[in-house]
Amino acid sequence: MAEKVCRACHRFVKEGVCPVCKGTSFSWTWKGIVIVNDPNNSAIAKHMGITAPGKYCILVK
């Protein structure tokens, strides 16, 4: 079963509201996974605009 992803911040979400951006629009169609442990010292996190640790997808449809 596919996991749902917040369309606004690309974070994988289990709840009905995204804990990072408080968004409520989700998608089950996505590609690529990025796991960010330390967003302050991560070039990928800075490039993607990630400010909180967690599991994110690269592309949301």
N, C-alpha and C. Protein backbone atom coordinates (compact mmCIF):
# COMPACT_ATOMS: atom_id res chain seq x y z
N MET A 1 0.84 -1.18 0.00
CA MET A 1 0.00 0.00 0.00
C MET A 1 0.88 1.25 0.00
N ALA A 2 0.58 2.19 -0.86
CA ALA A 2 1.35 3.42 -0.96
C ALA A 2 1.10 4.32 0.24
N GLU A 3 2.11 5.08 0.60
CA GLU A 3 1.99 6.03 1.70
C GLU A 3 1.53 7.37 1.13
N LYS A 4 0.80 8.13 1.94
CA LYS A 4 0.37 9.44 1.45
C LYS A 4 1.41 10.50 1.79
N VAL A 5 1.45 11.52 0.93
CA VAL A 5 2.45 12.58 1.03
C VAL A 5 1.74 13.92 1.00
N CYS A 6 2.20 14.85 1.83
CA CYS A 6 1.66 16.20 1.83
C CYS A 6 2.05 16.88 0.53
N ARG A 7 1.09 17.44 -0.17
CA ARG A 7 1.37 18.11 -1.44
C ARG A 7 2.16 19.40 -1.26
N ALA A 8 2.04 20.04 -0.11
CA ALA A 8 2.72 21.32 0.12
C ALA A 8 4.19 21.16 0.46
N CYS A 9 4.52 20.26 1.41
CA CYS A 9 5.92 20.15 1.87
C CYS A 9 6.58 18.83 1.53
N HIS A 10 5.86 17.90 0.91
CA HIS A 10 6.37 16.59 0.45
C HIS A 10 6.71 15.62 1.58
N ARG A 11 6.25 15.87 2.77
CA ARG A 11 6.53 14.97 3.90
C ARG A 11 5.55 13.80 3.90
N PHE A 12 6.03 12.61 4.23
CA PHE A 12 5.16 11.45 4.39
C PHE A 12 4.34 11.64 5.66
N VAL A 13 3.03 11.39 5.56
CA VAL A 13 2.12 11.69 6.66
C VAL A 13 1.21 10.50 6.94
N LYS A 14 0.97 10.23 8.21
CA LYS A 14 0.04 9.19 8.61
C LYS A 14 -1.26 9.79 9.13
N GLU A 15 -1.20 11.00 9.64
CA GLU A 15 -2.36 11.68 10.21
C GLU A 15 -3.18 12.37 9.12
N GLY A 16 -4.22 13.07 9.54
CA GLY A 16 -5.07 13.80 8.62
C GLY A 16 -4.60 15.23 8.39
N VAL A 17 -3.59 15.67 9.17
CA VAL A 17 -3.02 16.99 9.03
C VAL A 17 -1.49 16.86 9.08
N CYS A 18 -0.81 17.53 8.18
CA CYS A 18 0.66 17.46 8.14
C CYS A 18 1.24 18.12 9.39
N PRO A 19 2.13 17.43 10.12
CA PRO A 19 2.69 18.02 11.33
C PRO A 19 3.68 19.16 11.06
N VAL A 20 4.20 19.27 9.84
CA VAL A 20 5.18 20.31 9.53
C VAL A 20 4.51 21.59 9.05
N CYS A 21 3.67 21.50 8.01
CA CYS A 21 3.09 22.70 7.40
C CYS A 21 1.60 22.88 7.71
N LYS A 22 1.03 21.92 8.42
CA LYS A 22 -0.41 21.93 8.78
C LYS A 22 -1.32 21.81 7.57
N GLY A 23 -0.79 21.32 6.44
CA GLY A 23 -1.58 21.13 5.23
C GLY A 23 -2.51 19.93 5.34
N THR A 24 -3.56 19.94 4.51
CA THR A 24 -4.53 18.85 4.51
C THR A 24 -4.75 18.26 3.11
N SER A 25 -3.92 18.65 2.16
CA SER A 25 -4.01 18.13 0.81
C SER A 25 -2.91 17.08 0.63
N PHE A 26 -3.31 15.84 0.32
CA PHE A 26 -2.36 14.74 0.23
C PHE A 26 -2.45 14.03 -1.10
N SER A 27 -1.37 13.30 -1.45
CA SER A 27 -1.33 12.52 -2.68
C SER A 27 -0.76 11.15 -2.36
N TRP A 28 -1.21 10.15 -3.10
CA TRP A 28 -0.66 8.80 -2.99
C TRP A 28 0.23 8.49 -4.18
N THR A 29 0.45 9.48 -5.04
CA THR A 29 1.30 9.32 -6.23
C THR A 29 2.54 10.18 -6.04
N TRP A 30 3.68 9.53 -5.87
CA TRP A 30 4.93 10.24 -5.62
C TRP A 30 6.10 9.41 -6.12
N LYS A 31 7.29 10.04 -6.20
CA LYS A 31 8.51 9.34 -6.63
C LYS A 31 9.68 9.80 -5.77
N GLY A 32 10.55 8.86 -5.42
CA GLY A 32 11.78 9.15 -4.70
C GLY A 32 11.59 9.42 -3.23
N ILE A 33 12.57 9.00 -2.42
CA ILE A 33 12.51 9.20 -0.98
C ILE A 33 13.80 9.86 -0.51
N VAL A 34 13.65 10.84 0.38
CA VAL A 34 14.78 11.50 1.04
C VAL A 34 14.51 11.46 2.52
N ILE A 35 15.48 10.96 3.30
CA ILE A 35 15.35 10.97 4.75
C ILE A 35 16.33 12.00 5.28
N VAL A 36 15.80 12.99 5.98
CA VAL A 36 16.61 14.09 6.50
C VAL A 36 16.69 13.97 8.02
N ASN A 37 17.91 13.83 8.55
CA ASN A 37 18.11 13.76 9.99
C ASN A 37 18.48 15.13 10.57
N ASP A 38 19.29 15.89 9.85
CA ASP A 38 19.76 17.19 10.32
C ASP A 38 19.59 18.22 9.20
N PRO A 39 18.43 18.86 9.11
CA PRO A 39 18.17 19.77 8.00
C PRO A 39 19.08 21.00 7.99
N ASN A 40 19.63 21.38 9.13
CA ASN A 40 20.51 22.56 9.18
C ASN A 40 21.85 22.32 8.51
N ASN A 41 22.31 21.07 8.47
CA ASN A 41 23.61 20.75 7.88
C ASN A 41 23.48 19.90 6.62
N SER A 42 22.33 19.91 5.98
CA SER A 42 22.09 19.09 4.80
C SER A 42 21.89 19.97 3.56
N ALA A 43 22.74 19.77 2.56
CA ALA A 43 22.61 20.53 1.31
C ALA A 43 21.32 20.15 0.59
N ILE A 44 20.94 18.89 0.64
CA ILE A 44 19.70 18.44 0.00
C ILE A 44 18.49 19.08 0.67
N ALA A 45 18.49 19.13 2.00
CA ALA A 45 17.38 19.74 2.73
C ALA A 45 17.27 21.23 2.37
N LYS A 46 18.38 21.91 2.29
CA LYS A 46 18.36 23.33 1.94
C LYS A 46 17.83 23.53 0.52
N HIS A 47 18.26 22.67 -0.40
CA HIS A 47 17.80 22.76 -1.79
C HIS A 47 16.29 22.51 -1.90
N MET A 48 15.78 21.56 -1.11
CA MET A 48 14.36 21.22 -1.16
C MET A 48 13.51 22.11 -0.25
N GLY A 49 14.12 22.94 0.57
CA GLY A 49 13.38 23.81 1.48
C GLY A 49 12.87 23.08 2.71
N ILE A 50 13.53 22.01 3.10
CA ILE A 50 13.12 21.20 4.26
C ILE A 50 13.70 21.82 5.53
N THR A 51 12.85 22.04 6.53
CA THR A 51 13.30 22.64 7.78
C THR A 51 13.13 21.73 8.99
N ALA A 52 12.46 20.59 8.83
CA ALA A 52 12.23 19.66 9.93
C ALA A 52 12.72 18.26 9.54
N PRO A 53 13.31 17.53 10.48
CA PRO A 53 13.74 16.16 10.18
C PRO A 53 12.56 15.28 9.81
N GLY A 54 12.80 14.28 8.96
CA GLY A 54 11.73 13.35 8.60
C GLY A 54 11.95 12.71 7.25
N LYS A 55 10.93 12.02 6.79
CA LYS A 55 10.94 11.30 5.52
C LYS A 55 10.13 12.11 4.50
N TYR A 56 10.75 12.42 3.38
CA TYR A 56 10.14 13.26 2.35
C TYR A 56 10.24 12.56 0.99
N CYS A 57 9.37 12.94 0.07
CA CYS A 57 9.47 12.45 -1.29
C CYS A 57 10.05 13.55 -2.17
N ILE A 58 10.59 13.17 -3.31
CA ILE A 58 11.20 14.13 -4.21
C ILE A 58 10.17 14.76 -5.15
N LEU A 59 9.22 13.96 -5.64
CA LEU A 59 8.23 14.44 -6.60
C LEU A 59 6.84 14.00 -6.19
N VAL A 60 5.92 14.95 -6.12
CA VAL A 60 4.51 14.65 -5.80
C VAL A 60 3.67 14.99 -7.02
N LYS A 61 2.76 14.06 -7.36
CA LYS A 61 1.85 14.33 -8.48
C LYS A 61 0.48 14.66 -7.96
